[in-house]
N, C-alpha and C. Protein backbone atom coordinates (compact mmCIF):
# COMPACT_ATOMS: atom_id res chain seq x y z
N MET A 1 -13.36 30.10 -11.71
CA MET A 1 -12.13 29.76 -11.02
C MET A 1 -12.34 28.42 -10.28
N ALA A 2 -11.33 27.57 -10.32
CA ALA A 2 -11.40 26.25 -9.69
C ALA A 2 -11.30 26.38 -8.18
N SER A 3 -12.03 25.52 -7.49
CA SER A 3 -11.96 25.53 -6.03
C SER A 3 -10.66 24.88 -5.57
N GLU A 4 -10.31 25.14 -4.29
CA GLU A 4 -9.11 24.51 -3.73
C GLU A 4 -9.20 23.00 -3.79
N GLU A 5 -10.37 22.46 -3.51
CA GLU A 5 -10.54 21.01 -3.52
C GLU A 5 -10.27 20.43 -4.90
N SER A 6 -10.80 21.05 -5.94
CA SER A 6 -10.59 20.51 -7.28
C SER A 6 -9.14 20.68 -7.72
N LEU A 7 -8.46 21.74 -7.28
CA LEU A 7 -7.04 21.90 -7.58
C LEU A 7 -6.23 20.80 -6.90
N SER A 8 -6.61 20.48 -5.66
CA SER A 8 -5.93 19.42 -4.93
C SER A 8 -6.13 18.08 -5.64
N GLU A 9 -7.34 17.80 -6.06
CA GLU A 9 -7.62 16.56 -6.77
C GLU A 9 -6.85 16.49 -8.08
N ALA A 10 -6.74 17.60 -8.76
CA ALA A 10 -6.04 17.63 -10.05
C ALA A 10 -4.55 17.37 -9.89
N SER A 11 -4.00 17.67 -8.72
CA SER A 11 -2.57 17.48 -8.52
C SER A 11 -2.21 16.06 -8.09
N LYS A 12 -3.21 15.21 -7.89
CA LYS A 12 -2.96 13.83 -7.49
C LYS A 12 -2.63 12.99 -8.72
N VAL A 13 -1.67 12.10 -8.56
CA VAL A 13 -1.30 11.17 -9.61
C VAL A 13 -1.30 9.76 -9.04
N TYR A 14 -1.25 8.78 -9.91
CA TYR A 14 -1.22 7.39 -9.48
C TYR A 14 0.21 6.93 -9.24
N HIS A 15 0.37 6.13 -8.20
CA HIS A 15 1.66 5.54 -7.83
C HIS A 15 1.42 4.06 -7.58
N ILE A 16 2.34 3.22 -8.03
CA ILE A 16 2.22 1.79 -7.77
C ILE A 16 3.38 1.36 -6.88
N LEU A 17 3.03 0.73 -5.77
CA LEU A 17 4.01 0.18 -4.84
C LEU A 17 4.06 -1.32 -5.07
N PHE A 18 5.23 -1.82 -5.44
CA PHE A 18 5.43 -3.25 -5.65
C PHE A 18 6.11 -3.84 -4.43
N TYR A 19 5.59 -4.94 -3.94
CA TYR A 19 6.19 -5.68 -2.83
C TYR A 19 6.72 -7.01 -3.35
N GLU A 20 7.95 -7.33 -2.98
CA GLU A 20 8.48 -8.68 -3.14
C GLU A 20 8.48 -9.26 -1.73
N VAL A 21 8.05 -10.51 -1.60
CA VAL A 21 7.86 -11.08 -0.27
C VAL A 21 8.72 -12.32 -0.04
N VAL A 22 8.87 -12.69 1.22
CA VAL A 22 9.65 -13.86 1.61
C VAL A 22 8.97 -15.13 1.07
N ASP A 23 9.76 -16.19 0.93
CA ASP A 23 9.24 -17.45 0.38
C ASP A 23 8.09 -18.03 1.21
N ASP A 24 8.17 -17.89 2.52
CA ASP A 24 7.12 -18.46 3.39
C ASP A 24 6.10 -17.39 3.83
N TYR A 25 5.86 -16.46 2.96
CA TYR A 25 4.97 -15.33 3.21
C TYR A 25 3.59 -15.78 3.72
N LEU A 26 2.98 -16.73 3.02
CA LEU A 26 1.63 -17.15 3.40
C LEU A 26 1.60 -17.74 4.81
N ASP A 27 2.64 -18.44 5.19
CA ASP A 27 2.70 -19.01 6.53
C ASP A 27 2.91 -17.94 7.59
N ARG A 28 3.69 -16.91 7.27
CA ARG A 28 4.07 -15.90 8.26
C ARG A 28 3.10 -14.74 8.36
N ARG A 29 2.29 -14.49 7.35
CA ARG A 29 1.49 -13.27 7.35
C ARG A 29 0.34 -13.27 8.34
N ALA A 30 -0.12 -14.44 8.75
CA ALA A 30 -1.31 -14.53 9.62
C ALA A 30 -1.20 -13.65 10.86
N SER A 31 -0.03 -13.61 11.46
CA SER A 31 0.17 -12.82 12.70
C SER A 31 0.03 -11.32 12.47
N PHE A 32 0.25 -10.88 11.24
CA PHE A 32 0.28 -9.44 10.95
C PHE A 32 -0.85 -9.00 10.02
N ARG A 33 -1.66 -9.95 9.55
CA ARG A 33 -2.66 -9.64 8.53
C ARG A 33 -3.70 -8.62 9.01
N GLU A 34 -4.23 -8.79 10.20
CA GLU A 34 -5.25 -7.86 10.70
C GLU A 34 -4.69 -6.44 10.78
N ALA A 35 -3.49 -6.28 11.30
CA ALA A 35 -2.86 -4.96 11.41
C ALA A 35 -2.58 -4.38 10.02
N HIS A 36 -2.13 -5.23 9.09
CA HIS A 36 -1.88 -4.77 7.72
C HIS A 36 -3.18 -4.29 7.07
N LEU A 37 -4.25 -5.06 7.23
CA LEU A 37 -5.53 -4.68 6.62
C LEU A 37 -6.09 -3.40 7.24
N LYS A 38 -5.90 -3.19 8.53
CA LYS A 38 -6.33 -1.93 9.17
C LYS A 38 -5.52 -0.76 8.62
N HIS A 39 -4.22 -0.97 8.45
CA HIS A 39 -3.34 0.06 7.89
C HIS A 39 -3.79 0.41 6.47
N ALA A 40 -4.10 -0.61 5.68
CA ALA A 40 -4.57 -0.38 4.31
C ALA A 40 -5.92 0.31 4.30
N ALA A 41 -6.82 -0.07 5.20
CA ALA A 41 -8.15 0.54 5.26
C ALA A 41 -8.06 2.03 5.59
N LYS A 42 -7.14 2.40 6.47
CA LYS A 42 -6.96 3.82 6.80
C LYS A 42 -6.48 4.59 5.59
N ALA A 43 -5.55 4.01 4.83
CA ALA A 43 -5.06 4.68 3.61
C ALA A 43 -6.19 4.80 2.59
N HIS A 44 -7.04 3.79 2.50
CA HIS A 44 -8.18 3.84 1.60
C HIS A 44 -9.18 4.91 2.04
N ASP A 45 -9.45 4.97 3.34
CA ASP A 45 -10.39 5.95 3.87
C ASP A 45 -9.91 7.39 3.62
N ARG A 46 -8.60 7.59 3.60
CA ARG A 46 -8.04 8.92 3.31
C ARG A 46 -8.07 9.22 1.81
N GLY A 47 -8.46 8.22 1.01
CA GLY A 47 -8.52 8.42 -0.43
C GLY A 47 -7.20 8.16 -1.14
N HIS A 48 -6.24 7.56 -0.44
CA HIS A 48 -4.94 7.31 -1.04
C HIS A 48 -4.83 5.93 -1.69
N LEU A 49 -5.22 4.89 -1.00
CA LEU A 49 -5.10 3.54 -1.52
C LEU A 49 -6.31 3.23 -2.39
N VAL A 50 -6.06 2.96 -3.66
CA VAL A 50 -7.14 2.73 -4.62
C VAL A 50 -7.45 1.25 -4.75
N MET A 51 -6.41 0.42 -4.87
CA MET A 51 -6.60 -1.03 -4.95
C MET A 51 -5.30 -1.72 -4.62
N ALA A 52 -5.39 -3.00 -4.27
CA ALA A 52 -4.20 -3.77 -3.92
C ALA A 52 -4.48 -5.25 -4.11
N GLY A 53 -3.42 -6.00 -4.35
CA GLY A 53 -3.60 -7.44 -4.48
C GLY A 53 -2.28 -8.16 -4.62
N ALA A 54 -2.33 -9.45 -4.34
CA ALA A 54 -1.14 -10.30 -4.41
C ALA A 54 -0.97 -10.85 -5.82
N PHE A 55 0.28 -11.25 -6.12
CA PHE A 55 0.62 -11.88 -7.40
C PHE A 55 0.77 -13.38 -7.21
N ALA A 56 0.48 -14.11 -8.25
CA ALA A 56 0.83 -15.52 -8.42
C ALA A 56 0.22 -16.46 -7.38
N ASN A 57 0.46 -17.71 -7.61
CA ASN A 57 0.05 -18.76 -6.69
C ASN A 57 1.13 -19.82 -6.73
N PRO A 58 2.02 -19.92 -5.76
CA PRO A 58 1.97 -19.21 -4.48
C PRO A 58 2.36 -17.74 -4.62
N VAL A 59 1.96 -16.98 -3.64
CA VAL A 59 2.19 -15.54 -3.63
C VAL A 59 3.69 -15.25 -3.62
N ASP A 60 4.12 -14.41 -4.57
CA ASP A 60 5.53 -14.01 -4.59
C ASP A 60 5.68 -12.49 -4.56
N GLY A 61 4.58 -11.79 -4.44
CA GLY A 61 4.62 -10.34 -4.38
C GLY A 61 3.22 -9.76 -4.41
N ALA A 62 3.18 -8.43 -4.43
CA ALA A 62 1.90 -7.73 -4.45
C ALA A 62 2.10 -6.35 -5.06
N ALA A 63 1.00 -5.75 -5.47
CA ALA A 63 1.01 -4.37 -5.96
C ALA A 63 -0.09 -3.61 -5.25
N LEU A 64 0.24 -2.38 -4.87
CA LEU A 64 -0.72 -1.50 -4.22
C LEU A 64 -0.75 -0.20 -5.03
N VAL A 65 -1.93 0.21 -5.43
CA VAL A 65 -2.09 1.40 -6.26
C VAL A 65 -2.62 2.53 -5.39
N PHE A 66 -1.91 3.65 -5.44
CA PHE A 66 -2.25 4.83 -4.66
C PHE A 66 -2.56 5.99 -5.60
N ARG A 67 -3.35 6.92 -5.10
CA ARG A 67 -3.57 8.19 -5.79
C ARG A 67 -3.27 9.26 -4.76
N ALA A 68 -2.20 10.00 -5.01
CA ALA A 68 -1.74 10.98 -4.03
C ALA A 68 -0.95 12.08 -4.72
N GLU A 69 -0.78 13.17 -4.00
CA GLU A 69 -0.04 14.31 -4.54
C GLU A 69 1.46 14.09 -4.58
N SER A 70 1.94 13.13 -3.79
CA SER A 70 3.38 12.95 -3.67
C SER A 70 3.73 11.49 -3.41
N PRO A 71 4.88 11.03 -3.90
CA PRO A 71 5.33 9.67 -3.58
C PRO A 71 5.57 9.47 -2.09
N SER A 72 5.74 10.56 -1.36
CA SER A 72 5.99 10.43 0.08
C SER A 72 4.82 9.76 0.80
N VAL A 73 3.61 9.90 0.29
CA VAL A 73 2.44 9.23 0.86
C VAL A 73 2.63 7.71 0.78
N VAL A 74 3.10 7.24 -0.36
CA VAL A 74 3.33 5.82 -0.58
C VAL A 74 4.49 5.32 0.27
N GLU A 75 5.56 6.09 0.30
CA GLU A 75 6.73 5.73 1.10
C GLU A 75 6.38 5.64 2.58
N ASP A 76 5.57 6.56 3.05
CA ASP A 76 5.15 6.55 4.45
C ASP A 76 4.29 5.31 4.74
N PHE A 77 3.39 4.97 3.80
CA PHE A 77 2.58 3.77 3.96
C PHE A 77 3.48 2.55 4.12
N ALA A 78 4.44 2.41 3.23
CA ALA A 78 5.32 1.24 3.27
C ALA A 78 6.12 1.18 4.57
N ARG A 79 6.66 2.30 5.00
CA ARG A 79 7.46 2.33 6.24
C ARG A 79 6.65 1.86 7.45
N LYS A 80 5.36 2.13 7.44
CA LYS A 80 4.50 1.81 8.59
C LYS A 80 3.72 0.51 8.42
N ASP A 81 3.85 -0.15 7.28
CA ASP A 81 3.10 -1.38 7.02
C ASP A 81 3.64 -2.52 7.89
N PRO A 82 2.78 -3.18 8.66
CA PRO A 82 3.24 -4.29 9.50
C PRO A 82 3.96 -5.39 8.72
N TYR A 83 3.59 -5.61 7.46
CA TYR A 83 4.29 -6.61 6.66
C TYR A 83 5.74 -6.19 6.42
N VAL A 84 5.97 -4.92 6.20
CA VAL A 84 7.33 -4.41 5.99
C VAL A 84 8.10 -4.42 7.31
N ILE A 85 7.49 -3.88 8.34
CA ILE A 85 8.13 -3.79 9.65
C ILE A 85 8.58 -5.16 10.15
N ASN A 86 7.78 -6.18 9.88
CA ASN A 86 8.07 -7.52 10.41
C ASN A 86 8.79 -8.44 9.43
N GLY A 87 9.35 -7.86 8.38
CA GLY A 87 10.22 -8.61 7.48
C GLY A 87 9.57 -9.53 6.47
N LEU A 88 8.29 -9.38 6.22
CA LEU A 88 7.64 -10.20 5.19
C LEU A 88 7.91 -9.67 3.79
N VAL A 89 8.14 -8.37 3.69
CA VAL A 89 8.47 -7.74 2.42
C VAL A 89 9.98 -7.61 2.34
N THR A 90 10.55 -8.13 1.25
CA THR A 90 11.99 -8.11 1.08
C THR A 90 12.49 -6.93 0.28
N LYS A 91 11.60 -6.39 -0.54
CA LYS A 91 12.00 -5.28 -1.44
C LYS A 91 10.77 -4.50 -1.84
């Protein structure tokens, strides 16, 4: 019989969060970068955030890959992300 832990792991799926950002994102992010990285590190430490990175040069967006049992984990991350809260993410 499978343990509770392995059942929990088996129920996790991958989710990708796409960010579209403001045109002057690189100029504006400095004030919020440390808080954003701490927020991301906590999600990683919980085993939810698998990888993340920006698109293009200049940056016009980003993708964050999560592994979680529910999309609500990803939605909660986005709601609390300093980049989202402070208007750097447009969509």
